[in-house]
């Protein structure tokens, strides 16, 4: 993954987590996104933290699981 797409994905997570839209902050969208991501984190049996949500969004958790399955 290139640095540019990595940074873009990270920025996208931050905008979605905060609920930033072109018209300003939308708390409903932020809460909906957080609930969506944290549900995926919960299914992976990880603590429900912002850091784990970001790791899931960036694909780190899935990558770790794939590496563990290959052994």
PDB file of N, CA and C in Angstrom:
ATOM      1  N   UNK A   1       0.851  -1.165   0.000  1.00  0.00           N
ATOM      2  CA  UNK A   1       0.000   0.000   0.000  1.00  0.00           C
ATOM      3  C   UNK A   1       0.901   1.233   0.000  1.00  0.00           C
ATOM      4  N   UNK A   2       0.650   2.165  -0.863  1.00  0.00           N
ATOM      5  CA  UNK A   2       1.493   3.350  -0.940  1.00  0.00           C
ATOM      6  C   UNK A   2       1.222   4.268   0.246  1.00  0.00           C
ATOM      7  N   UNK A   3       2.200   5.124   0.541  1.00  0.00           N
ATOM      8  CA  UNK A   3       2.056   6.056   1.657  1.00  0.00           C
ATOM      9  C   UNK A   3       0.885   6.997   1.440  1.00  0.00           C
ATOM     10  N   UNK A   4       0.668   7.396   0.182  1.00  0.00           N
ATOM     11  CA  UNK A   4      -0.413   8.327  -0.118  1.00  0.00           C
ATOM     12  C   UNK A   4      -1.783   7.710   0.176  1.00  0.00           C
ATOM     13  N   UNK A   5      -1.995   6.470  -0.244  1.00  0.00           N
ATOM     14  CA  UNK A   5      -3.285   5.827   0.020  1.00  0.00           C
ATOM     15  C   UNK A   5      -3.432   5.493   1.499  1.00  0.00           C
ATOM     16  N   UNK A   6      -2.306   5.184   2.159  1.00  0.00           N
ATOM     17  CA  UNK A   6      -2.331   4.912   3.594  1.00  0.00           C
ATOM     18  C   UNK A   6      -2.761   6.166   4.345  1.00  0.00           C
ATOM     19  N   UNK A   7      -2.158   7.303   4.010  1.00  0.00           N
ATOM     20  CA  UNK A   7      -2.506   8.562   4.662  1.00  0.00           C
ATOM     21  C   UNK A   7      -3.943   8.958   4.347  1.00  0.00           C
ATOM     22  N   UNK A   8      -4.383   8.722   3.130  1.00  0.00           N
ATOM     23  CA  UNK A   8      -5.755   9.038   2.749  1.00  0.00           C
ATOM     24  C   UNK A   8      -6.744   8.210   3.542  1.00  0.00           C
ATOM     25  N   UNK A   9      -6.441   6.964   3.743  1.00  0.00           N
ATOM     26  CA  UNK A   9      -7.325   6.080   4.511  1.00  0.00           C
ATOM     27  C   UNK A   9      -7.364   6.512   5.979  1.00  0.00           C
ATOM     28  N   UNK A  10      -6.206   6.899   6.499  1.00  0.00           N
ATOM     29  CA  UNK A  10      -6.128   7.355   7.885  1.00  0.00           C
ATOM     30  C   UNK A  10      -6.917   8.661   8.071  1.00  0.00           C
ATOM     31  N   UNK A  11      -6.783   9.576   7.134  1.00  0.00           N
ATOM     32  CA  UNK A  11      -7.538  10.830   7.186  1.00  0.00           C
ATOM     33  C   UNK A  11      -9.032  10.571   7.062  1.00  0.00           C
ATOM     34  N   UNK A  12      -9.392   9.628   6.206  1.00  0.00           N
ATOM     35  CA  UNK A  12     -10.800   9.272   6.036  1.00  0.00           C
ATOM     36  C   UNK A  12     -11.372   8.744   7.346  1.00  0.00           C
ATOM     37  N   UNK A  13     -10.617   7.904   8.041  1.00  0.00           N
ATOM     38  CA  UNK A  13     -11.076   7.386   9.332  1.00  0.00           C
ATOM     39  C   UNK A  13     -11.318   8.534  10.307  1.00  0.00           C
ATOM     40  N   UNK A  14     -10.366   9.463  10.392  1.00  0.00           N
ATOM     41  CA  UNK A  14     -10.497  10.587  11.320  1.00  0.00           C
ATOM     42  C   UNK A  14     -11.735  11.423  11.002  1.00  0.00           C
ATOM     43  N   UNK A  15     -11.973  11.697   9.729  1.00  0.00           N
ATOM     44  CA  UNK A  15     -13.156  12.480   9.334  1.00  0.00           C
ATOM     45  C   UNK A  15     -14.436  11.744   9.693  1.00  0.00           C
ATOM     46  N   UNK A  16     -14.500  10.456   9.406  1.00  0.00           N
ATOM     47  CA  UNK A  16     -15.693   9.677   9.712  1.00  0.00           C
ATOM     48  C   UNK A  16     -15.901   9.556  11.218  1.00  0.00           C
ATOM     49  N   UNK A  17     -14.829   9.333  11.962  1.00  0.00           N
ATOM     50  CA  UNK A  17     -14.930   9.179  13.416  1.00  0.00           C
ATOM     51  C   UNK A  17     -15.481  10.469  14.047  1.00  0.00           C
ATOM     52  N   UNK A  18     -15.034  11.611  13.532  1.00  0.00           N
ATOM     53  CA  UNK A  18     -15.479  12.900  14.067  1.00  0.00           C
ATOM     54  C   UNK A  18     -16.795  13.361  13.452  1.00  0.00           C
ATOM     55  N   UNK A  19     -17.244  12.737  12.376  1.00  0.00           N
ATOM     56  CA  UNK A  19     -18.494  13.112  11.727  1.00  0.00           C
ATOM     57  C   UNK A  19     -18.369  14.360  10.876  1.00  0.00           C
ATOM     58  N   UNK A  20     -17.175  14.609  10.360  1.00  0.00           N
ATOM     59  CA  UNK A  20     -16.957  15.804   9.547  1.00  0.00           C
ATOM     60  C   UNK A  20     -17.566  15.618   8.160  1.00  0.00           C
ATOM     61  N   UNK A  21     -18.360  16.604   7.761  1.00  0.00           N
ATOM     62  CA  UNK A  21     -18.966  16.634   6.440  1.00  0.00           C
ATOM     63  C   UNK A  21     -18.663  18.001   5.833  1.00  0.00           C
ATOM     64  N   UNK A  22     -18.920  18.180   4.547  1.00  0.00           N
ATOM     65  CA  UNK A  22     -18.697  19.505   3.942  1.00  0.00           C
ATOM     66  C   UNK A  22     -19.522  20.608   4.610  1.00  0.00           C
ATOM     67  N   UNK A  23     -20.627  20.245   5.224  1.00  0.00           N
ATOM     68  CA  UNK A  23     -21.479  21.247   5.874  1.00  0.00           C
ATOM     69  C   UNK A  23     -21.153  21.436   7.352  1.00  0.00           C
ATOM     70  N   UNK A  24     -20.196  20.688   7.879  1.00  0.00           N
ATOM     71  CA  UNK A  24     -19.838  20.800   9.293  1.00  0.00           C
ATOM     72  C   UNK A  24     -19.819  19.439   9.968  1.00  0.00           C
ATOM     73  N   UNK A  25     -19.979  19.456  11.276  1.00  0.00           N
ATOM     74  CA  UNK A  25     -19.942  18.229  12.056  1.00  0.00           C
ATOM     75  C   UNK A  25     -21.348  17.638  12.141  1.00  0.00           C
ATOM     76  N   UNK A  26     -21.449  16.349  11.845  1.00  0.00           N
ATOM     77  CA  UNK A  26     -22.723  15.637  11.930  1.00  0.00           C
ATOM     78  C   UNK A  26     -22.564  14.529  12.959  1.00  0.00           C
ATOM     79  N   UNK A  27     -23.084  14.762  14.164  1.00  0.00           N
ATOM     80  CA  UNK A  27     -22.932  13.812  15.268  1.00  0.00           C
ATOM     81  C   UNK A  27     -23.600  12.474  14.965  1.00  0.00           C
ATOM     82  N   UNK A  28     -24.713  12.494  14.260  1.00  0.00           N
ATOM     83  CA  UNK A  28     -25.422  11.248  13.947  1.00  0.00           C
ATOM     84  C   UNK A  28     -24.556  10.361  13.059  1.00  0.00           C
ATOM     85  N   UNK A  29     -23.924  10.956  12.054  1.00  0.00           N
ATOM     86  CA  UNK A  29     -23.044  10.166  11.182  1.00  0.00           C
ATOM     87  C   UNK A  29     -21.842   9.633  11.949  1.00  0.00           C
ATOM     88  N   UNK A  30     -21.301  10.437  12.848  1.00  0.00           N
ATOM     89  CA  UNK A  30     -20.163   9.994  13.655  1.00  0.00           C
ATOM     90  C   UNK A  30     -20.562   8.798  14.513  1.00  0.00           C
ATOM     91  N   UNK A  31     -21.695   8.897  15.191  1.00  0.00           N
ATOM     92  CA  UNK A  31     -22.136   7.802  16.052  1.00  0.00           C
ATOM     93  C   UNK A  31     -22.462   6.549  15.258  1.00  0.00           C
ATOM     94  N   UNK A  32     -23.046   6.714  14.089  1.00  0.00           N
ATOM     95  CA  UNK A  32     -23.375   5.571  13.235  1.00  0.00           C
ATOM     96  C   UNK A  32     -22.094   4.861  12.775  1.00  0.00           C
ATOM     97  N   UNK A  33     -21.096   5.644  12.359  1.00  0.00           N
ATOM     98  CA  UNK A  33     -19.823   5.068  11.930  1.00  0.00           C
ATOM     99  C   UNK A  33     -19.138   4.353  13.088  1.00  0.00           C
ATOM    100  N   UNK A  34     -19.114   5.000  14.250  1.00  0.00           N
ATOM    101  CA  UNK A  34     -18.467   4.384  15.414  1.00  0.00           C
ATOM    102  C   UNK A  34     -19.136   3.066  15.782  1.00  0.00           C
ATOM    103  N   UNK A  35     -20.458   3.054  15.782  1.00  0.00           N
ATOM    104  CA  UNK A  35     -21.183   1.828  16.105  1.00  0.00           C
ATOM    105  C   UNK A  35     -20.854   0.733  15.092  1.00  0.00           C
ATOM    106  N   UNK A  36     -20.803   1.080  13.817  1.00  0.00           N
ATOM    107  CA  UNK A  36     -20.503   0.127  12.745  1.00  0.00           C
ATOM    108  C   UNK A  36     -19.104  -0.482  12.926  1.00  0.00           C
ATOM    109  N   UNK A  37     -18.108   0.380  13.108  1.00  0.00           N
ATOM    110  CA  UNK A  37     -16.728  -0.103  13.234  1.00  0.00           C
ATOM    111  C   UNK A  37     -16.532  -0.880  14.526  1.00  0.00           C
ATOM    112  N   UNK A  38     -17.063  -0.365  15.630  1.00  0.00           N
ATOM    113  CA  UNK A  38     -16.870  -1.046  16.907  1.00  0.00           C
ATOM    114  C   UNK A  38     -17.562  -2.402  16.937  1.00  0.00           C
ATOM    115  N   UNK A  39     -18.628  -2.568  16.194  1.00  0.00           N
ATOM    116  CA  UNK A  39     -19.272  -3.887  16.103  1.00  0.00           C
ATOM    117  C   UNK A  39     -18.327  -4.887  15.429  1.00  0.00           C
ATOM    118  N   UNK A  40     -17.620  -4.453  14.398  1.00  0.00           N
ATOM    119  CA  UNK A  40     -16.643  -5.332  13.746  1.00  0.00           C
ATOM    120  C   UNK A  40     -15.499  -5.669  14.700  1.00  0.00           C
ATOM    121  N   UNK A  41     -15.055  -4.675  15.456  1.00  0.00           N
ATOM    122  CA  UNK A  41     -13.984  -4.903  16.430  1.00  0.00           C
ATOM    123  C   UNK A  41     -14.457  -5.901  17.491  1.00  0.00           C
ATOM    124  N   UNK A  42     -15.694  -5.747  17.952  1.00  0.00           N
ATOM    125  CA  UNK A  42     -16.254  -6.660  18.960  1.00  0.00           C
ATOM    126  C   UNK A  42     -16.273  -8.091  18.438  1.00  0.00           C
ATOM    127  N   UNK A  43     -16.639  -8.260  17.163  1.00  0.00           N
ATOM    128  CA  UNK A  43     -16.689  -9.596  16.576  1.00  0.00           C
ATOM    129  C   UNK A  43     -15.312 -10.236  16.490  1.00  0.00           C
ATOM    130  N   UNK A  44     -14.276  -9.414  16.440  1.00  0.00           N
ATOM    131  CA  UNK A  44     -12.899  -9.925  16.420  1.00  0.00           C
ATOM    132  C   UNK A  44     -12.379 -10.175  17.832  1.00  0.00           C
ATOM    133  N   UNK A  45     -13.263  -9.967  18.829  1.00  0.00           N
ATOM    134  CA  UNK A  45     -12.939 -10.183  20.240  1.00  0.00           C
ATOM    135  C   UNK A  45     -11.762  -9.322  20.690  1.00  0.00           C
ATOM    136  N   UNK A  46     -11.807  -8.057  20.327  1.00  0.00           N
ATOM    137  CA  UNK A  46     -10.802  -7.073  20.730  1.00  0.00           C
ATOM    138  C   UNK A  46     -11.475  -6.034  21.620  1.00  0.00           C
ATOM    139  N   UNK A  47     -10.700  -5.352  22.471  1.00  0.00           N
ATOM    140  CA  UNK A  47     -11.283  -4.275  23.280  1.00  0.00           C
ATOM    141  C   UNK A  47     -11.863  -3.172  22.380  1.00  0.00           C
ATOM    142  N   UNK A  48     -12.985  -2.614  22.826  1.00  0.00           N
ATOM    143  CA  UNK A  48     -13.676  -1.595  22.027  1.00  0.00           C
ATOM    144  C   UNK A  48     -13.057  -0.222  22.278  1.00  0.00           C
ATOM    145  N   UNK A  49     -11.948   0.034  21.601  1.00  0.00           N
ATOM    146  CA  UNK A  49     -11.252   1.310  21.743  1.00  0.00           C
ATOM    147  C   UNK A  49     -11.130   1.975  20.380  1.00  0.00           C
ATOM    148  N   UNK A  50     -10.864   3.273  20.418  1.00  0.00           N
ATOM    149  CA  UNK A  50     -10.667   4.015  19.168  1.00  0.00           C
ATOM    150  C   UNK A  50      -9.454   3.456  18.416  1.00  0.00           C
ATOM    151  N   UNK A  51      -8.409   3.125  19.152  1.00  0.00           N
ATOM    152  CA  UNK A  51      -7.197   2.590  18.524  1.00  0.00           C
ATOM    153  C   UNK A  51      -7.481   1.283  17.789  1.00  0.00           C
ATOM    154  N   UNK A  52      -8.235   0.390  18.410  1.00  0.00           N
ATOM    155  CA  UNK A  52      -8.585  -0.868  17.737  1.00  0.00           C
ATOM    156  C   UNK A  52      -9.518  -0.618  16.555  1.00  0.00           C
ATOM    157  N   UNK A  53     -10.394   0.364  16.683  1.00  0.00           N
ATOM    158  CA  UNK A  53     -11.267   0.714  15.561  1.00  0.00           C
ATOM    159  C   UNK A  53     -10.427   1.200  14.382  1.00  0.00           C
ATOM    160  N   UNK A  54      -9.437   2.012  14.676  1.00  0.00           N
ATOM    161  CA  UNK A  54      -8.558   2.527  13.613  1.00  0.00           C
ATOM    162  C   UNK A  54      -7.730   1.392  13.006  1.00  0.00           C
ATOM    163  N   UNK A  55      -7.239   0.498  13.844  1.00  0.00           N
ATOM    164  CA  UNK A  55      -6.465  -0.644  13.347  1.00  0.00           C
ATOM    165  C   UNK A  55      -7.326  -1.529  12.450  1.00  0.00           C
ATOM    166  N   UNK A  56      -8.606  -1.704  12.810  1.00  0.00           N
ATOM    167  CA  UNK A  56      -9.512  -2.483  11.976  1.00  0.00           C
ATOM    168  C   UNK A  56      -9.717  -1.779  10.638  1.00  0.00           C
ATOM    169  N   UNK A  57      -9.972  -0.471  10.677  1.00  0.00           N
ATOM    170  CA  UNK A  57     -10.213   0.312   9.466  1.00  0.00           C
ATOM    171  C   UNK A  57      -9.013   0.260   8.527  1.00  0.00           C
ATOM    172  N   UNK A  58      -7.806   0.295   9.100  1.00  0.00           N
ATOM    173  CA  UNK A  58      -6.594   0.293   8.302  1.00  0.00           C
ATOM    174  C   UNK A  58      -6.215  -1.113   7.835  1.00  0.00           C
ATOM    175  N   UNK A  59      -6.874  -2.138   8.365  1.00  0.00           N
ATOM    176  CA  UNK A  59      -6.625  -3.506   7.930  1.00  0.00           C
ATOM    177  C   UNK A  59      -5.582  -4.243   8.753  1.00  0.00           C
ATOM    178  N   UNK A  60      -5.104  -3.627   9.822  1.00  0.00           N
ATOM    179  CA  UNK A  60      -4.063  -4.260  10.635  1.00  0.00           C
ATOM    180  C   UNK A  60      -4.574  -5.515  11.341  1.00  0.00           C
ATOM    181  N   UNK A  61      -5.775  -5.451  11.885  1.00  0.00           N
ATOM    182  CA  UNK A  61      -6.322  -6.598  12.610  1.00  0.00           C
ATOM    183  C   UNK A  61      -6.543  -7.772  11.662  1.00  0.00           C
ATOM    184  N   UNK A  62      -7.079  -7.494  10.475  1.00  0.00           N
ATOM    185  CA  UNK A  62      -7.305  -8.566   9.505  1.00  0.00           C
ATOM    186  C   UNK A  62      -5.975  -9.176   9.057  1.00  0.00           C
ATOM    187  N   UNK A  63      -4.960  -8.332   8.878  1.00  0.00           N
ATOM    188  CA  UNK A  63      -3.645  -8.801   8.463  1.00  0.00           C
ATOM    189  C   UNK A  63      -3.042  -9.714   9.539  1.00  0.00           C
ATOM    190  N   UNK A  64      -3.192  -9.321  10.818  1.00  0.00           N
ATOM    191  CA  UNK A  64      -2.675 -10.144  11.912  1.00  0.00           C
ATOM    192  C   UNK A  64      -3.359 -11.511  11.927  1.00  0.00           C
ATOM    193  N   UNK A  65      -4.676 -11.523  11.742  1.00  0.00           N
ATOM    194  CA  UNK A  65      -5.405 -12.790  11.739  1.00  0.00           C
ATOM    195  C   UNK A  65      -4.991 -13.676  10.569  1.00  0.00           C
ATOM    196  N   UNK A  66      -4.768 -13.080   9.417  1.00  0.00           N
ATOM    197  CA  UNK A  66      -4.336 -13.858   8.254  1.00  0.00           C
ATOM    198  C   UNK A  66      -2.965 -14.470   8.493  1.00  0.00           C
ATOM    199  N   UNK A  67      -2.069 -13.701   9.122  1.00  0.00           N
ATOM    200  CA  UNK A  67      -0.738 -14.222   9.427  1.00  0.00           C
ATOM    201  C   UNK A  67      -0.805 -15.355  10.435  1.00  0.00           C
ATOM    202  N   UNK A  68      -1.685 -15.226  11.433  1.00  0.00           N
ATOM    203  CA  UNK A  68      -1.817 -16.269  12.452  1.00  0.00           C
ATOM    204  C   UNK A  68      -2.419 -17.544  11.860  1.00  0.00           C
ATOM    205  N   UNK A  69      -3.327 -17.409  10.901  1.00  0.00           N
ATOM    206  CA  UNK A  69      -3.933 -18.577  10.280  1.00  0.00           C
ATOM    207  C   UNK A  69      -2.945 -19.327   9.389  1.00  0.00           C
ATOM    208  N   UNK A  70      -1.961 -18.636   8.854  1.00  0.00           N
ATOM    209  CA  UNK A  70      -1.031 -19.285   7.936  1.00  0.00           C
ATOM    210  C   UNK A  70      -0.019 -20.161   8.679  1.00  0.00           C
ATOM    211  N   UNK A  71       0.075 -20.008   9.990  1.00  0.00           N
ATOM    212  CA  UNK A  71       1.023 -20.832  10.762  1.00  0.00           C
ATOM    213  C   UNK A  71       0.403 -22.088  11.236  1.00  0.00           C
TER     214      UNK A  71
END
